[in-house]
Amino acid sequence: MLLVQDQQPGCADARSDFCTLHLKAFFNWCVDRNLAASNPVRRVKFFNEDNSRLRYLTEEEYTRLVKAAKTIDASPFLAEKIILSVHAGLRRGSLFLLRWDHVDFVSV
């Protein structure tokens, strides 16, 4: 039997985590239906590989994004929000939580 923690060469950590997750779910299902006495995979730890990647828009992508945002009527000031977020380095959540009382007009 191949254990998930005994990775095959070239097997990514994320793939092992995926298999471990499904094995845990399967054995929990078996335990719930009295098909297994316990979950033998319950103590197996995940690798938790960070698969996120950092990517920046190119100048052409940025221009196309702003141009497309100006054509959308459903979201007022969408193009302006995009421009502000790019120039101020704001994330989506921070951008949409901004209020006028957050702006310091005196120090500007």
Protein backbone atom coordinates (compact mmCIF):
# COMPACT_ATOMS: atom_id res chain seq x y z
CA MET A 1 0.00 0.00 0.00
CA LEU A 2 1.35 3.42 -0.96
CA LEU A 3 1.19 5.87 1.89
CA VAL A 4 0.50 9.45 0.92
CA GLN A 5 3.44 10.72 2.96
CA ASP A 6 5.77 8.38 1.02
CA GLN A 7 5.72 10.53 -2.07
CA GLN A 8 6.62 9.30 -5.49
CA PRO A 9 9.42 11.22 -7.21
CA GLY A 10 7.96 14.26 -8.93
CA CYS A 11 4.76 14.23 -6.89
CA ALA A 12 3.90 17.73 -5.72
CA ASP A 13 3.04 18.46 -2.10
CA ALA A 14 -0.30 19.86 -3.20
CA ARG A 15 -1.14 16.58 -4.92
CA SER A 16 -0.29 14.64 -1.76
CA ASP A 17 -2.50 16.98 0.28
CA PHE A 18 -5.32 16.45 -2.23
CA CYS A 19 -5.03 12.66 -1.93
CA THR A 20 -4.76 12.83 1.87
CA LEU A 21 -7.88 15.00 2.06
CA HIS A 22 -9.89 12.50 0.05
CA LEU A 23 -8.58 9.52 1.99
CA LYS A 24 -9.54 11.19 5.27
CA ALA A 25 -13.00 11.95 3.91
CA PHE A 26 -13.43 8.41 2.64
CA PHE A 27 -12.43 6.80 5.94
CA ASN A 28 -14.63 9.24 7.91
CA TRP A 29 -17.50 8.18 5.65
CA CYS A 30 -16.67 4.52 6.37
CA VAL A 31 -16.56 5.14 10.13
CA ASP A 32 -19.94 6.94 9.99
CA ARG A 33 -21.48 3.88 8.33
CA ASN A 34 -19.76 1.38 10.64
CA LEU A 35 -17.69 0.03 7.76
CA ALA A 36 -14.44 0.82 9.57
CA ALA A 37 -13.62 0.98 13.27
CA SER A 38 -11.44 4.07 12.97
CA ASN A 39 -9.84 6.40 10.46
CA PRO A 40 -6.25 5.22 9.86
CA VAL A 41 -5.44 8.47 8.04
CA ARG A 42 -6.63 10.84 10.78
CA ARG A 43 -3.12 11.60 12.07
CA VAL A 44 -1.52 12.11 8.66
CA LYS A 45 -0.47 15.73 8.37
CA PHE A 46 -0.83 17.91 5.29
CA PHE A 47 2.15 19.49 3.57
CA ASN A 48 0.12 22.70 3.01
CA GLU A 49 2.16 23.86 0.07
CA ASP A 50 1.51 27.46 -0.86
CA ASN A 51 0.52 27.33 -4.53
CA SER A 52 -0.22 31.02 -4.77
CA ARG A 53 1.74 33.08 -7.21
CA LEU A 54 2.48 36.75 -7.42
CA ARG A 55 1.60 38.28 -10.75
CA TYR A 56 1.51 41.85 -11.96
CA LEU A 57 -0.48 43.32 -14.82
CA THR A 58 1.45 44.39 -17.87
CA GLU A 59 0.96 47.94 -19.14
CA GLU A 60 -1.21 46.61 -21.96
CA GLU A 61 -3.37 44.54 -19.56
CA TYR A 62 -3.75 47.54 -17.25
CA THR A 63 -4.82 49.79 -20.14
CA ARG A 64 -7.30 47.20 -21.42
CA LEU A 65 -8.70 46.69 -17.91
CA VAL A 66 -9.31 50.40 -17.32
CA LYS A 67 -10.81 50.80 -20.80
CA ALA A 68 -13.18 47.86 -20.21
CA ALA A 69 -14.12 49.16 -16.75
CA LYS A 70 -15.18 52.50 -18.27
CA THR A 71 -17.77 50.69 -20.42
CA ILE A 72 -19.48 49.03 -17.44
CA ASP A 73 -22.45 51.03 -16.21
CA ALA A 74 -23.47 48.68 -13.38
CA SER A 75 -20.56 49.65 -11.15
CA PRO A 76 -20.10 53.41 -10.80
CA PHE A 77 -16.51 54.64 -10.62
CA LEU A 78 -15.12 51.16 -11.33
CA ALA A 79 -12.34 52.52 -13.54
CA GLU A 80 -11.42 55.06 -10.87
CA LYS A 81 -11.35 52.33 -8.21
CA ILE A 82 -9.00 50.27 -10.36
CA ILE A 83 -6.70 53.24 -10.97
CA LEU A 84 -6.66 54.08 -7.25
CA SER A 85 -5.97 50.50 -6.21
CA VAL A 86 -3.08 50.17 -8.66
CA HIS A 87 -1.44 53.45 -7.70
CA ALA A 88 -2.03 53.10 -3.95
CA GLY A 89 -1.33 49.35 -3.74
CA LEU A 90 -4.74 48.58 -2.24
CA ARG A 91 -6.24 45.13 -2.16
CA ARG A 92 -9.84 44.61 -3.16
CA GLY A 93 -11.14 44.38 0.41
CA SER A 94 -9.35 47.55 1.52
CA LEU A 95 -10.49 49.40 -1.58
CA PHE A 96 -14.18 48.67 -1.11
CA LEU A 97 -14.05 49.51 2.61
CA LEU A 98 -12.71 53.02 1.96
CA ARG A 99 -14.83 55.92 3.17
CA TRP A 100 -14.44 59.67 2.69
CA ASP A 101 -13.71 60.15 6.38
CA HIS A 102 -10.59 57.98 5.87
CA VAL A 103 -9.11 60.61 3.55
CA ASP A 104 -6.81 63.14 5.19
CA PHE A 105 -7.15 66.33 3.16
CA VAL A 106 -5.08 68.38 5.60
CA SER A 107 -1.81 66.46 5.30
CA VAL A 108 -1.99 66.18 1.53
